[in-house]
Amino acid sequence: MVLKSMSKGSQLDWSEDSELYDRFNKWKCEKTFLVDRMKPKKESNGFVIHCIKAWSGETRRSHTENARLSDKDSKKLDKVLEVLELQQ
């Protein structure tokens, strides 16, 4: 139940305005803190990356899914966050 609610999380408002950069950085900080503190020790990064994609919203989720990341990089949290950051 906790993992299911974690995977929904809050989504970022990607409205293109002068505050997007600040919203993204705040969102990234909050989500990084959350996954660092709540990630089950034996859980792979797969669940955490799933949460980040879900929290990033439908449009950005498609960007991460369409990014040309290698299989190895698509399983690295820092690489997925980098794709999201480049898309803002």
N, C-alpha and C. Protein backbone atom coordinates (compact mmCIF):
# COMPACT_ATOMS: atom_id res chain seq x y z
N MET A 1 0.82 -1.19 0.00
CA MET A 1 0.00 0.00 0.00
C MET A 1 0.87 1.26 0.00
N VAL A 2 1.89 1.30 0.85
CA VAL A 2 2.77 2.46 0.90
C VAL A 2 3.49 2.64 -0.43
N LEU A 3 3.99 1.55 -1.00
CA LEU A 3 4.70 1.65 -2.27
C LEU A 3 3.76 2.13 -3.37
N LYS A 4 2.50 1.68 -3.34
CA LYS A 4 1.55 2.11 -4.35
C LYS A 4 1.30 3.61 -4.24
N SER A 5 1.10 4.11 -3.03
CA SER A 5 0.86 5.55 -2.86
C SER A 5 2.11 6.36 -3.18
N MET A 6 3.29 5.82 -2.88
CA MET A 6 4.54 6.50 -3.22
C MET A 6 4.67 6.65 -4.72
N SER A 7 4.27 5.63 -5.46
CA SER A 7 4.45 5.68 -6.91
C SER A 7 3.56 6.72 -7.58
N LYS A 8 2.46 7.11 -6.92
CA LYS A 8 1.61 8.16 -7.49
C LYS A 8 2.22 9.52 -7.22
N GLY A 9 2.54 9.82 -5.98
CA GLY A 9 3.22 11.05 -5.62
C GLY A 9 2.59 12.31 -6.19
N SER A 10 3.26 13.43 -6.01
CA SER A 10 2.78 14.69 -6.58
C SER A 10 3.51 14.94 -7.89
N GLN A 11 2.78 15.45 -8.87
CA GLN A 11 3.38 15.72 -10.16
C GLN A 11 3.80 17.17 -10.26
N LEU A 12 4.81 17.40 -11.05
CA LEU A 12 5.35 18.74 -11.25
C LEU A 12 4.52 19.49 -12.29
N ASP A 13 4.28 20.75 -12.05
CA ASP A 13 3.62 21.63 -13.01
C ASP A 13 4.68 22.12 -14.00
N TRP A 14 4.60 21.67 -15.24
CA TRP A 14 5.60 22.00 -16.25
C TRP A 14 5.21 23.23 -17.07
N SER A 15 4.29 24.03 -16.58
CA SER A 15 3.90 25.25 -17.32
C SER A 15 5.15 26.07 -17.62
N GLU A 16 5.26 26.48 -18.87
CA GLU A 16 6.45 27.22 -19.29
C GLU A 16 6.28 28.69 -18.93
N ASP A 17 6.83 29.04 -17.78
CA ASP A 17 6.83 30.43 -17.34
C ASP A 17 8.14 30.70 -16.63
N SER A 18 8.29 31.88 -16.08
CA SER A 18 9.56 32.28 -15.46
C SER A 18 9.87 31.49 -14.18
N GLU A 19 8.91 30.76 -13.64
CA GLU A 19 9.11 30.03 -12.39
C GLU A 19 9.41 28.54 -12.60
N LEU A 20 9.41 28.07 -13.85
CA LEU A 20 9.62 26.64 -14.12
C LEU A 20 10.93 26.13 -13.54
N TYR A 21 12.00 26.85 -13.77
CA TYR A 21 13.31 26.41 -13.28
C TYR A 21 13.30 26.23 -11.77
N ASP A 22 12.74 27.19 -11.05
CA ASP A 22 12.68 27.10 -9.59
C ASP A 22 11.78 25.95 -9.13
N ARG A 23 10.62 25.78 -9.81
CA ARG A 23 9.72 24.67 -9.46
C ARG A 23 10.41 23.34 -9.68
N PHE A 24 11.13 23.22 -10.82
CA PHE A 24 11.82 21.96 -11.11
C PHE A 24 12.86 21.66 -10.05
N ASN A 25 13.67 22.64 -9.69
CA ASN A 25 14.72 22.41 -8.69
C ASN A 25 14.14 22.04 -7.34
N LYS A 26 13.06 22.69 -6.95
CA LYS A 26 12.40 22.36 -5.69
C LYS A 26 11.84 20.94 -5.74
N TRP A 27 11.17 20.60 -6.85
CA TRP A 27 10.60 19.27 -7.04
C TRP A 27 11.70 18.21 -6.99
N LYS A 28 12.78 18.46 -7.71
CA LYS A 28 13.90 17.52 -7.77
C LYS A 28 14.49 17.29 -6.38
N CYS A 29 14.66 18.36 -5.62
CA CYS A 29 15.19 18.26 -4.26
C CYS A 29 14.26 17.45 -3.37
N GLU A 30 12.96 17.74 -3.42
CA GLU A 30 11.99 17.02 -2.59
C GLU A 30 11.96 15.54 -2.95
N LYS A 31 11.94 15.23 -4.24
CA LYS A 31 11.84 13.83 -4.66
C LYS A 31 13.13 13.08 -4.38
N THR A 32 14.25 13.72 -4.56
CA THR A 32 15.53 13.07 -4.25
C THR A 32 15.60 12.74 -2.77
N PHE A 33 15.20 13.69 -1.94
CA PHE A 33 15.17 13.45 -0.49
C PHE A 33 14.24 12.28 -0.16
N LEU A 34 13.06 12.29 -0.76
CA LEU A 34 12.08 11.24 -0.49
C LEU A 34 12.61 9.86 -0.87
N VAL A 35 13.13 9.72 -2.06
CA VAL A 35 13.59 8.39 -2.47
C VAL A 35 14.85 7.97 -1.72
N ASP A 36 15.69 8.92 -1.34
CA ASP A 36 16.87 8.58 -0.55
C ASP A 36 16.49 8.04 0.82
N ARG A 37 15.43 8.60 1.40
CA ARG A 37 15.03 8.22 2.76
C ARG A 37 14.07 7.04 2.82
N MET A 38 13.25 6.87 1.78
CA MET A 38 12.20 5.87 1.85
C MET A 38 12.45 4.64 1.00
N LYS A 39 13.49 4.63 0.22
CA LYS A 39 13.76 3.49 -0.66
C LYS A 39 14.07 2.25 0.18
N PRO A 40 13.33 1.17 -0.05
CA PRO A 40 13.66 -0.06 0.67
C PRO A 40 15.09 -0.49 0.34
N LYS A 41 15.80 -0.94 1.34
CA LYS A 41 17.22 -1.27 1.17
C LYS A 41 17.46 -2.31 0.09
N LYS A 42 16.57 -3.29 -0.02
CA LYS A 42 16.78 -4.37 -0.98
C LYS A 42 16.15 -4.08 -2.34
N GLU A 43 15.47 -2.95 -2.44
CA GLU A 43 14.78 -2.60 -3.68
C GLU A 43 15.78 -2.09 -4.72
N SER A 44 15.56 -2.47 -5.95
CA SER A 44 16.43 -1.96 -7.02
C SER A 44 16.02 -0.53 -7.36
N ASN A 45 16.82 0.12 -8.17
CA ASN A 45 16.50 1.47 -8.60
C ASN A 45 15.27 1.51 -9.50
N GLY A 46 14.83 0.36 -9.99
CA GLY A 46 13.68 0.31 -10.88
C GLY A 46 12.45 0.97 -10.29
N PHE A 47 12.15 0.70 -9.03
CA PHE A 47 10.98 1.28 -8.39
C PHE A 47 11.14 2.78 -8.23
N VAL A 48 12.31 3.22 -7.82
CA VAL A 48 12.57 4.64 -7.63
C VAL A 48 12.45 5.38 -8.96
N ILE A 49 13.00 4.83 -10.01
CA ILE A 49 12.92 5.45 -11.33
C ILE A 49 11.47 5.49 -11.80
N HIS A 50 10.72 4.43 -11.52
CA HIS A 50 9.29 4.42 -11.85
C HIS A 50 8.59 5.59 -11.16
N CYS A 51 8.88 5.81 -9.88
CA CYS A 51 8.26 6.91 -9.13
C CYS A 51 8.62 8.25 -9.75
N ILE A 52 9.88 8.45 -10.06
CA ILE A 52 10.32 9.73 -10.64
C ILE A 52 9.60 9.98 -11.96
N LYS A 53 9.48 8.95 -12.79
CA LYS A 53 8.77 9.12 -14.06
C LYS A 53 7.30 9.44 -13.82
N ALA A 54 6.68 8.75 -12.88
CA ALA A 54 5.27 9.01 -12.58
C ALA A 54 5.09 10.42 -12.04
N TRP A 55 5.96 10.84 -11.16
CA TRP A 55 5.87 12.17 -10.55
C TRP A 55 6.14 13.28 -11.56
N SER A 56 6.88 12.98 -12.61
CA SER A 56 7.23 14.02 -13.56
C SER A 56 6.08 14.38 -14.49
N GLY A 57 5.02 13.61 -14.48
CA GLY A 57 3.85 13.91 -15.30
C GLY A 57 3.91 13.21 -16.65
N GLU A 58 2.77 13.17 -17.31
CA GLU A 58 2.63 12.41 -18.54
C GLU A 58 3.56 12.87 -19.66
N THR A 59 3.66 14.17 -19.88
CA THR A 59 4.50 14.67 -20.97
C THR A 59 5.97 14.36 -20.74
N ARG A 60 6.45 14.65 -19.55
CA ARG A 60 7.87 14.40 -19.26
C ARG A 60 8.16 12.91 -19.16
N ARG A 61 7.18 12.13 -18.74
CA ARG A 61 7.38 10.67 -18.70
C ARG A 61 7.65 10.17 -20.11
N SER A 62 6.93 10.70 -21.09
CA SER A 62 7.18 10.27 -22.47
C SER A 62 8.57 10.70 -22.93
N HIS A 63 9.06 11.85 -22.46
CA HIS A 63 10.42 12.28 -22.79
C HIS A 63 11.45 11.28 -22.24
N THR A 64 11.24 10.86 -21.00
CA THR A 64 12.21 9.92 -20.41
C THR A 64 12.14 8.56 -21.10
N GLU A 65 10.94 8.17 -21.50
CA GLU A 65 10.80 6.88 -22.18
C GLU A 65 11.37 6.93 -23.59
N ASN A 66 11.33 8.11 -24.23
CA ASN A 66 11.84 8.24 -25.59
C ASN A 66 13.30 8.69 -25.65
N ALA A 67 13.88 9.01 -24.51
CA ALA A 67 15.29 9.42 -24.48
C ALA A 67 16.17 8.26 -24.94
N ARG A 68 17.23 8.61 -25.55
CA ARG A 68 18.13 7.57 -26.08
C ARG A 68 19.15 7.16 -25.02
N LEU A 69 18.64 6.64 -23.92
CA LEU A 69 19.52 6.14 -22.86
C LEU A 69 19.81 4.67 -23.10
N SER A 70 21.02 4.28 -22.82
CA SER A 70 21.35 2.85 -22.92
C SER A 70 20.57 2.10 -21.83
N ASP A 71 20.47 0.79 -21.97
CA ASP A 71 19.77 0.00 -20.94
C ASP A 71 20.39 0.23 -19.57
N LYS A 72 21.71 0.32 -19.55
CA LYS A 72 22.42 0.54 -18.29
C LYS A 72 22.08 1.91 -17.70
N ASP A 73 22.11 2.96 -18.53
CA ASP A 73 21.82 4.31 -18.06
C ASP A 73 20.36 4.50 -17.67
N SER A 74 19.45 3.80 -18.34
CA SER A 74 18.03 3.96 -18.02
C SER A 74 17.69 3.40 -16.64
N LYS A 75 18.63 2.70 -16.03
CA LYS A 75 18.43 2.15 -14.69
C LYS A 75 19.17 2.97 -13.63
N LYS A 76 19.73 4.11 -14.05
CA LYS A 76 20.45 4.99 -13.13
C LYS A 76 19.62 6.23 -12.86
N LEU A 77 19.34 6.48 -11.59
CA LEU A 77 18.52 7.61 -11.19
C LEU A 77 19.09 8.93 -11.68
N ASP A 78 20.39 9.12 -11.57
CA ASP A 78 20.99 10.39 -11.97
C ASP A 78 20.84 10.64 -13.47
N LYS A 79 20.87 9.59 -14.28
CA LYS A 79 20.70 9.75 -15.73
C LYS A 79 19.26 10.11 -16.09
N VAL A 80 18.30 9.50 -15.40
CA VAL A 80 16.88 9.82 -15.65
C VAL A 80 16.60 11.26 -15.23
N LEU A 81 17.12 11.69 -14.08
CA LEU A 81 16.95 13.07 -13.65
C LEU A 81 17.60 14.04 -14.63
N GLU A 82 18.73 13.64 -15.18
CA GLU A 82 19.43 14.49 -16.15
C GLU A 82 18.56 14.69 -17.40
N VAL A 83 17.89 13.64 -17.87
CA VAL A 83 17.00 13.75 -19.02
C VAL A 83 15.87 14.72 -18.71
N LEU A 84 15.28 14.61 -17.53
CA LEU A 84 14.20 15.51 -17.14
C LEU A 84 14.68 16.96 -17.08
N GLU A 85 15.87 17.15 -16.54
CA GLU A 85 16.40 18.50 -16.42
C GLU A 85 16.68 19.13 -17.76
N LEU A 86 17.14 18.33 -18.71
CA LEU A 86 17.44 18.85 -20.04
C LEU A 86 16.17 19.20 -20.81
N GLN A 87 15.04 18.64 -20.42
CA GLN A 87 13.79 18.87 -21.13
C GLN A 87 13.07 20.13 -20.68
N GLN A 88 13.53 20.80 -19.62
CA GLN A 88 12.79 21.98 -19.17
C GLN A 88 13.05 23.20 -20.00
